[in-house]
Amino acid sequence: MSILNLTQHAASPAQVAAGVVEPEHFGIEKATVQALLTFPAKDIHGLRLKDAAVRLVKLMRDNGVTEAMIGGLPALMLPLQAEMSFWAIQPNFAISERVSEDKVMPDGSTRKVAVFRHLGWHKPDNSWFADYCEAANGRLEIPA
């Protein structure tokens, strides 16, 4: 199964080996994804985020995507995850480890480089969304 890369960045070789493909694999332009993931400071509020989430999920639905690696603006991830869950598209959050490596330079100096190593996926169980939405609409009692 192919996992759509729904992030601003290119997938790492380890993520590609784990099944991540770029949007073009599904007939989606990377620039379109990047534009929907980018928000000027004045546009970061609920309605714009919800609209972006809906548009991203429509792109996925229209192109047969059933699973995607998501990441980016934290405020977008919850509405995106909720919208994906509603349409039975599995969100995947990459789990990585930052490793500091020393690189000896030609002049003898040492440069520290941070390398992100892909360790796997967090595939959230979205069954709680229905209860959350009902509680938010006042139909369920929220525990104290």
N, C-alpha and C. Protein backbone atom coordinates (compact mmCIF):
# COMPACT_ATOMS: atom_id res chain seq x y z
N MET A 1 0.84 -1.18 0.00
CA MET A 1 0.00 0.00 0.00
C MET A 1 0.89 1.25 0.00
N SER A 2 0.51 2.23 -0.79
CA SER A 2 1.27 3.47 -0.86
C SER A 2 0.75 4.48 0.15
N ILE A 3 1.70 5.17 0.78
CA ILE A 3 1.39 6.20 1.77
C ILE A 3 1.75 7.55 1.15
N LEU A 4 0.74 8.39 0.95
CA LEU A 4 0.97 9.70 0.36
C LEU A 4 1.79 10.58 1.30
N ASN A 5 2.81 11.22 0.77
CA ASN A 5 3.59 12.21 1.53
C ASN A 5 2.82 13.53 1.50
N LEU A 6 2.11 13.80 2.58
CA LEU A 6 1.31 15.03 2.67
C LEU A 6 2.02 16.01 3.60
N THR A 7 3.29 16.26 3.30
CA THR A 7 4.10 17.21 4.06
C THR A 7 4.78 18.16 3.08
N GLN A 8 5.41 19.19 3.62
CA GLN A 8 6.15 20.16 2.80
C GLN A 8 7.43 19.57 2.22
N HIS A 9 7.96 18.53 2.84
CA HIS A 9 9.30 18.04 2.53
C HIS A 9 9.28 16.74 1.75
N ALA A 10 10.38 16.46 1.09
CA ALA A 10 10.53 15.17 0.40
C ALA A 10 10.67 14.08 1.45
N ALA A 11 10.12 12.92 1.16
CA ALA A 11 10.26 11.78 2.06
C ALA A 11 11.72 11.34 2.11
N SER A 12 12.14 10.86 3.28
CA SER A 12 13.51 10.35 3.42
C SER A 12 13.60 8.99 2.73
N PRO A 13 14.81 8.53 2.42
CA PRO A 13 14.95 7.19 1.82
C PRO A 13 14.32 6.10 2.69
N ALA A 14 14.43 6.22 4.01
CA ALA A 14 13.83 5.21 4.90
C ALA A 14 12.30 5.27 4.82
N GLN A 15 11.73 6.48 4.69
CA GLN A 15 10.28 6.59 4.56
C GLN A 15 9.81 6.03 3.22
N VAL A 16 10.58 6.29 2.18
CA VAL A 16 10.25 5.72 0.87
C VAL A 16 10.27 4.20 0.95
N ALA A 17 11.27 3.65 1.62
CA ALA A 17 11.36 2.20 1.80
C ALA A 17 10.16 1.66 2.58
N ALA A 18 9.58 2.52 3.43
CA ALA A 18 8.41 2.12 4.23
C ALA A 18 7.09 2.34 3.48
N GLY A 19 7.16 2.77 2.21
CA GLY A 19 5.96 2.89 1.40
C GLY A 19 5.49 4.29 1.07
N VAL A 20 6.23 5.32 1.51
CA VAL A 20 5.82 6.70 1.23
C VAL A 20 6.13 7.05 -0.21
N VAL A 21 5.14 7.69 -0.85
CA VAL A 21 5.31 8.16 -2.23
C VAL A 21 4.95 9.63 -2.29
N GLU A 22 5.52 10.33 -3.23
CA GLU A 22 5.23 11.74 -3.42
C GLU A 22 3.86 11.91 -4.08
N PRO A 23 3.26 13.09 -3.95
CA PRO A 23 1.91 13.32 -4.48
C PRO A 23 1.75 12.96 -5.97
N GLU A 24 2.80 13.18 -6.77
CA GLU A 24 2.71 12.90 -8.20
C GLU A 24 2.33 11.44 -8.48
N HIS A 25 2.70 10.54 -7.58
CA HIS A 25 2.35 9.12 -7.72
C HIS A 25 0.84 8.95 -7.84
N PHE A 26 0.09 9.83 -7.17
CA PHE A 26 -1.37 9.77 -7.20
C PHE A 26 -1.97 10.79 -8.17
N GLY A 27 -1.14 11.46 -8.95
CA GLY A 27 -1.64 12.46 -9.87
C GLY A 27 -1.93 13.81 -9.23
N ILE A 28 -1.30 14.06 -8.09
CA ILE A 28 -1.48 15.32 -7.36
C ILE A 28 -0.18 16.11 -7.47
N GLU A 29 -0.28 17.40 -7.71
CA GLU A 29 0.93 18.22 -7.79
C GLU A 29 1.44 18.56 -6.39
N LYS A 30 2.74 18.38 -6.18
CA LYS A 30 3.36 18.70 -4.89
C LYS A 30 3.13 20.17 -4.54
N ALA A 31 3.19 21.05 -5.53
CA ALA A 31 2.98 22.48 -5.28
C ALA A 31 1.59 22.75 -4.72
N THR A 32 0.60 22.00 -5.15
CA THR A 32 -0.77 22.15 -4.63
C THR A 32 -0.81 21.77 -3.15
N VAL A 33 -0.17 20.65 -2.82
CA VAL A 33 -0.10 20.21 -1.42
C VAL A 33 0.62 21.27 -0.58
N GLN A 34 1.75 21.73 -1.06
CA GLN A 34 2.53 22.73 -0.32
C GLN A 34 1.73 24.01 -0.11
N ALA A 35 0.99 24.44 -1.12
CA ALA A 35 0.18 25.65 -0.98
C ALA A 35 -0.91 25.47 0.08
N LEU A 36 -1.52 24.29 0.14
CA LEU A 36 -2.57 24.04 1.14
C LEU A 36 -2.01 23.87 2.55
N LEU A 37 -0.71 23.58 2.65
CA LEU A 37 -0.07 23.41 3.96
C LEU A 37 0.60 24.70 4.45
N THR A 38 0.58 25.76 3.65
CA THR A 38 1.29 27.00 3.98
C THR A 38 0.29 28.08 4.36
N PHE A 39 0.53 28.71 5.50
CA PHE A 39 -0.39 29.74 6.00
C PHE A 39 0.38 30.98 6.40
N PRO A 40 0.08 32.12 5.77
CA PRO A 40 0.63 33.38 6.29
C PRO A 40 0.07 33.58 7.70
N ALA A 41 0.80 34.25 8.56
CA ALA A 41 0.39 34.43 9.96
C ALA A 41 -1.03 34.96 10.09
N LYS A 42 -1.43 35.87 9.21
CA LYS A 42 -2.78 36.45 9.31
C LYS A 42 -3.89 35.45 9.00
N ASP A 43 -3.56 34.32 8.37
CA ASP A 43 -4.57 33.34 7.98
C ASP A 43 -4.68 32.15 8.92
N ILE A 44 -3.90 32.14 10.00
CA ILE A 44 -3.92 30.99 10.89
C ILE A 44 -5.04 31.16 11.91
N HIS A 45 -6.21 30.73 11.50
CA HIS A 45 -7.34 30.67 12.42
C HIS A 45 -8.23 29.53 11.96
N GLY A 46 -9.18 29.16 12.80
CA GLY A 46 -9.97 27.95 12.59
C GLY A 46 -10.57 27.73 11.23
N LEU A 47 -11.24 28.73 10.66
CA LEU A 47 -11.92 28.52 9.39
C LEU A 47 -10.96 28.22 8.26
N ARG A 48 -9.85 28.93 8.20
CA ARG A 48 -8.86 28.67 7.14
C ARG A 48 -8.25 27.28 7.30
N LEU A 49 -7.99 26.88 8.54
CA LEU A 49 -7.41 25.56 8.79
C LEU A 49 -8.40 24.46 8.39
N LYS A 50 -9.66 24.62 8.78
CA LYS A 50 -10.68 23.63 8.43
C LYS A 50 -10.83 23.55 6.91
N ASP A 51 -10.85 24.70 6.24
CA ASP A 51 -10.96 24.73 4.78
C ASP A 51 -9.79 23.99 4.13
N ALA A 52 -8.59 24.23 4.62
CA ALA A 52 -7.41 23.54 4.07
C ALA A 52 -7.51 22.04 4.29
N ALA A 53 -7.96 21.63 5.48
CA ALA A 53 -8.11 20.20 5.78
C ALA A 53 -9.12 19.56 4.82
N VAL A 54 -10.24 20.22 4.62
CA VAL A 54 -11.27 19.69 3.72
C VAL A 54 -10.73 19.59 2.30
N ARG A 55 -10.02 20.60 1.85
CA ARG A 55 -9.48 20.58 0.48
C ARG A 55 -8.41 19.50 0.31
N LEU A 56 -7.56 19.32 1.32
CA LEU A 56 -6.55 18.27 1.25
C LEU A 56 -7.20 16.89 1.19
N VAL A 57 -8.22 16.68 2.01
CA VAL A 57 -8.89 15.38 2.01
C VAL A 57 -9.64 15.16 0.70
N LYS A 58 -10.22 16.19 0.15
CA LYS A 58 -10.88 16.05 -1.16
C LYS A 58 -9.87 15.62 -2.22
N LEU A 59 -8.68 16.22 -2.20
CA LEU A 59 -7.63 15.78 -3.13
C LEU A 59 -7.33 14.30 -2.96
N MET A 60 -7.22 13.88 -1.71
CA MET A 60 -6.92 12.47 -1.45
C MET A 60 -8.05 11.57 -1.93
N ARG A 61 -9.28 11.92 -1.59
CA ARG A 61 -10.44 11.11 -2.00
C ARG A 61 -10.54 11.03 -3.51
N ASP A 62 -10.37 12.15 -4.18
CA ASP A 62 -10.49 12.19 -5.64
C ASP A 62 -9.41 11.38 -6.34
N ASN A 63 -8.32 11.10 -5.64
CA ASN A 63 -7.18 10.41 -6.27
C ASN A 63 -6.89 9.04 -5.66
N GLY A 64 -7.83 8.50 -4.91
CA GLY A 64 -7.71 7.13 -4.42
C GLY A 64 -6.74 6.90 -3.29
N VAL A 65 -6.42 7.95 -2.54
CA VAL A 65 -5.49 7.81 -1.41
C VAL A 65 -6.23 7.23 -0.21
N THR A 66 -5.66 6.21 0.41
CA THR A 66 -6.27 5.62 1.60
C THR A 66 -5.41 5.80 2.85
N GLU A 67 -4.19 6.31 2.65
CA GLU A 67 -3.25 6.46 3.77
C GLU A 67 -2.28 7.59 3.44
N ALA A 68 -1.94 8.41 4.44
CA ALA A 68 -1.03 9.53 4.18
C ALA A 68 -0.15 9.80 5.39
N MET A 69 1.09 10.22 5.11
CA MET A 69 1.99 10.72 6.14
C MET A 69 1.70 12.21 6.25
N ILE A 70 1.30 12.65 7.46
CA ILE A 70 0.99 14.06 7.65
C ILE A 70 1.95 14.66 8.66
N GLY A 71 2.11 15.97 8.55
CA GLY A 71 2.98 16.69 9.45
C GLY A 71 3.10 18.12 8.97
N GLY A 72 3.35 19.00 9.88
CA GLY A 72 3.47 20.40 9.53
C GLY A 72 2.91 21.25 10.65
N LEU A 73 2.22 22.31 10.29
CA LEU A 73 1.66 23.24 11.25
C LEU A 73 0.80 22.48 12.27
N PRO A 74 1.20 22.45 13.54
CA PRO A 74 0.44 21.67 14.53
C PRO A 74 -1.06 22.01 14.58
N ALA A 75 -1.40 23.29 14.40
CA ALA A 75 -2.81 23.69 14.46
C ALA A 75 -3.63 23.08 13.32
N LEU A 76 -2.99 22.68 12.23
CA LEU A 76 -3.69 22.05 11.12
C LEU A 76 -3.87 20.55 11.32
N MET A 77 -3.00 19.93 12.11
CA MET A 77 -3.02 18.48 12.20
C MET A 77 -4.31 17.92 12.79
N LEU A 78 -4.89 18.57 13.81
CA LEU A 78 -6.13 18.03 14.38
C LEU A 78 -7.28 18.10 13.39
N PRO A 79 -7.56 19.25 12.75
CA PRO A 79 -8.66 19.22 11.78
C PRO A 79 -8.37 18.31 10.59
N LEU A 80 -7.12 18.20 10.18
CA LEU A 80 -6.78 17.31 9.08
C LEU A 80 -6.99 15.85 9.49
N GLN A 81 -6.52 15.51 10.67
CA GLN A 81 -6.70 14.14 11.17
C GLN A 81 -8.18 13.81 11.32
N ALA A 82 -8.97 14.74 11.82
CA ALA A 82 -10.41 14.52 11.98
C ALA A 82 -11.08 14.32 10.63
N GLU A 83 -10.75 15.17 9.67
CA GLU A 83 -11.35 15.07 8.34
C GLU A 83 -10.94 13.76 7.66
N MET A 84 -9.67 13.37 7.81
CA MET A 84 -9.21 12.11 7.24
C MET A 84 -9.95 10.94 7.87
N SER A 85 -10.11 10.99 9.19
CA SER A 85 -10.80 9.93 9.90
C SER A 85 -12.23 9.78 9.42
N PHE A 86 -12.91 10.91 9.22
CA PHE A 86 -14.30 10.89 8.76
C PHE A 86 -14.43 10.15 7.44
N TRP A 87 -13.44 10.32 6.56
CA TRP A 87 -13.48 9.71 5.24
C TRP A 87 -12.66 8.41 5.18
N ALA A 88 -12.31 7.85 6.32
CA ALA A 88 -11.60 6.56 6.41
C ALA A 88 -10.26 6.58 5.67
N ILE A 89 -9.55 7.69 5.77
CA ILE A 89 -8.18 7.78 5.26
C ILE A 89 -7.26 7.76 6.47
N GLN A 90 -6.34 6.81 6.52
CA GLN A 90 -5.47 6.62 7.68
C GLN A 90 -4.36 7.66 7.73
N PRO A 91 -4.34 8.49 8.80
CA PRO A 91 -3.20 9.40 8.97
C PRO A 91 -2.03 8.66 9.61
N ASN A 92 -0.83 9.02 9.20
CA ASN A 92 0.40 8.45 9.77
C ASN A 92 1.31 9.60 10.18
N PHE A 93 1.74 9.55 11.43
CA PHE A 93 2.74 10.52 11.90
C PHE A 93 4.07 9.79 11.96
N ALA A 94 5.08 10.36 11.32
CA ALA A 94 6.40 9.73 11.32
C ALA A 94 7.03 9.82 12.70
N ILE A 95 7.61 8.73 13.13
CA ILE A 95 8.38 8.70 14.38
C ILE A 95 9.84 8.69 13.97
N SER A 96 10.58 9.66 14.48
CA SER A 96 11.99 9.73 14.12
C SER A 96 12.83 10.00 15.35
N GLU A 97 14.09 9.70 15.20
CA GLU A 97 15.07 9.96 16.26
C GLU A 97 16.11 10.91 15.69
N ARG A 98 16.41 11.93 16.46
CA ARG A 98 17.45 12.87 16.03
C ARG A 98 18.78 12.37 16.59
N VAL A 99 19.72 12.13 15.68
CA VAL A 99 21.03 11.63 16.06
C VAL A 99 22.07 12.67 15.65
N SER A 100 22.95 13.02 16.57
CA SER A 100 24.01 13.97 16.27
C SER A 100 25.24 13.20 15.80
N GLU A 101 25.72 13.57 14.63
CA GLU A 101 26.91 12.92 14.07
C GLU A 101 28.02 13.95 13.91
N ASP A 102 29.23 13.55 14.16
CA ASP A 102 30.39 14.40 13.95
C ASP A 102 30.97 14.13 12.57
N LYS A 103 31.21 15.19 11.82
CA LYS A 103 31.83 15.08 10.50
C LYS A 103 33.15 15.83 10.54
N VAL A 104 34.24 15.12 10.27
CA VAL A 104 35.55 15.76 10.24
C VAL A 104 35.71 16.44 8.89
N MET A 105 36.01 17.72 8.93
CA MET A 105 36.14 18.54 7.73
C MET A 105 37.58 18.45 7.19
N PRO A 106 37.78 18.79 5.93
CA PRO A 106 39.12 18.72 5.33
C PRO A 106 40.17 19.53 6.10
N ASP A 107 39.75 20.62 6.76
CA ASP A 107 40.72 21.42 7.50
C ASP A 107 40.98 20.89 8.91
N GLY A 108 40.39 19.74 9.24
CA GLY A 108 40.60 19.13 10.55
C GLY A 108 39.56 19.52 11.59
N SER A 109 38.74 20.51 11.29
CA SER A 109 37.68 20.89 12.24
C SER A 109 36.55 19.86 12.20
N THR A 110 35.71 19.93 13.20
CA THR A 110 34.59 19.00 13.29
C THR A 110 33.28 19.75 13.18
N ARG A 111 32.40 19.24 12.37
CA ARG A 111 31.06 19.82 12.22
C ARG A 111 30.04 18.82 12.77
N LYS A 112 29.15 19.30 13.64
CA LYS A 112 28.07 18.45 14.16
C LYS A 112 26.88 18.57 13.22
N VAL A 113 26.33 17.44 12.88
CA VAL A 113 25.18 17.39 11.98
C VAL A 113 24.08 16.59 12.66
N ALA A 114 22.85 17.12 12.67
CA ALA A 114 21.70 16.40 13.20
C ALA A 114 21.06 15.60 12.08
N VAL A 115 20.92 14.31 12.29
CA VAL A 115 20.33 13.42 11.30
C VAL A 115 19.06 12.84 11.90
N PHE A 116 17.97 12.91 11.14
CA PHE A 116 16.70 12.32 11.59
C PHE A 116 16.59 10.92 11.02
N ARG A 117 16.43 9.95 11.90
CA ARG A 117 16.31 8.55 11.47
C ARG A 117 14.86 8.11 11.63
N HIS A 118 14.28 7.63 10.54
CA HIS A 118 12.89 7.17 10.56
C HIS A 118 12.81 5.87 11.34
N LEU A 119 11.94 5.84 12.36
CA LEU A 119 11.79 4.65 13.19
C LEU A 119 10.48 3.92 12.94
N GLY A 120 9.52 4.59 12.35
CA GLY A 120 8.23 3.94 12.11
C GLY A 120 7.10 4.96 12.12
N TRP A 121 5.90 4.47 12.42
CA TRP A 121 4.70 5.29 12.33
C TRP A 121 3.89 5.28 13.61
N HIS A 122 3.27 6.40 13.87
CA HIS A 122 2.17 6.44 14.84
C HIS A 122 0.92 6.54 13.99
N LYS A 123 0.09 5.50 14.05
CA LYS A 123 -1.17 5.46 13.30
C LYS A 123 -2.28 5.63 14.32
N PRO A 124 -2.75 6.86 14.50
CA PRO A 124 -3.71 7.09 15.57
C PRO A 124 -5.01 6.32 15.39
N ASP A 125 -5.54 5.87 16.52
CA ASP A 125 -6.86 5.26 16.56
C ASP A 125 -7.84 6.42 16.67
N ASN A 126 -8.60 6.64 15.64
CA ASN A 126 -9.47 7.81 15.60
C ASN A 126 -10.87 7.56 16.11
N SER A 127 -11.10 6.45 16.80
CA SER A 127 -12.44 6.13 17.26
C SER A 127 -12.96 7.15 18.27
N TRP A 128 -12.08 7.88 18.92
CA TRP A 128 -12.50 8.85 19.92
C TRP A 128 -13.10 10.12 19.32
N PHE A 129 -12.92 10.34 18.00
CA PHE A 129 -13.41 11.57 17.38
C PHE A 129 -14.93 11.71 17.49
N ALA A 130 -15.66 10.62 17.31
CA ALA A 130 -17.13 10.71 17.37
C ALA A 130 -17.57 11.17 18.76
N ASP A 131 -16.97 10.59 19.80
CA ASP A 131 -17.32 11.00 21.17
C ASP A 131 -16.92 12.45 21.41
N TYR A 132 -15.77 12.84 20.92
CA TYR A 132 -15.30 14.21 21.08
C TYR A 132 -16.27 15.20 20.43
N CYS A 133 -16.68 14.89 19.21
CA CYS A 133 -17.58 15.79 18.49
C CYS A 133 -18.93 15.90 19.19
N GLU A 134 -19.45 14.79 19.69
CA GLU A 134 -20.71 14.83 20.43
C GLU A 134 -20.56 15.67 21.70
N ALA A 135 -19.44 15.50 22.41
CA ALA A 135 -19.21 16.27 23.63
C ALA A 135 -19.09 17.76 23.31
N ALA A 136 -18.43 18.06 22.23
CA ALA A 136 -18.25 19.46 21.85
C ALA A 136 -19.58 20.12 21.50
N ASN A 137 -20.53 19.34 21.06
CA ASN A 137 -21.85 19.87 20.73
C ASN A 137 -22.82 19.79 21.90
N GLY A 138 -22.32 19.41 23.07
CA GLY A 138 -23.15 19.40 24.27
C GLY A 138 -24.05 18.21 24.43
N ARG A 139 -23.86 17.18 23.63
CA ARG A 139 -24.71 16.00 23.73
C ARG A 139 -24.18 14.98 24.73
N LEU A 140 -22.94 15.12 25.14
CA LEU A 140 -22.38 14.23 26.14
C LEU A 140 -21.89 15.05 27.33
N GLU A 141 -21.93 14.47 28.49
CA GLU A 141 -21.39 15.15 29.65
C GLU A 141 -19.88 15.00 29.65
N ILE A 142 -19.19 16.09 29.82
CA ILE A 142 -17.73 16.05 29.85
C ILE A 142 -17.31 15.82 31.29
N PRO A 143 -16.50 14.78 31.55
CA PRO A 143 -16.08 14.50 32.93
C PRO A 143 -15.30 15.66 33.52
N ALA A 144 -15.48 15.87 34.81
CA ALA A 144 -14.79 16.97 35.50
C ALA A 144 -13.34 16.62 35.76
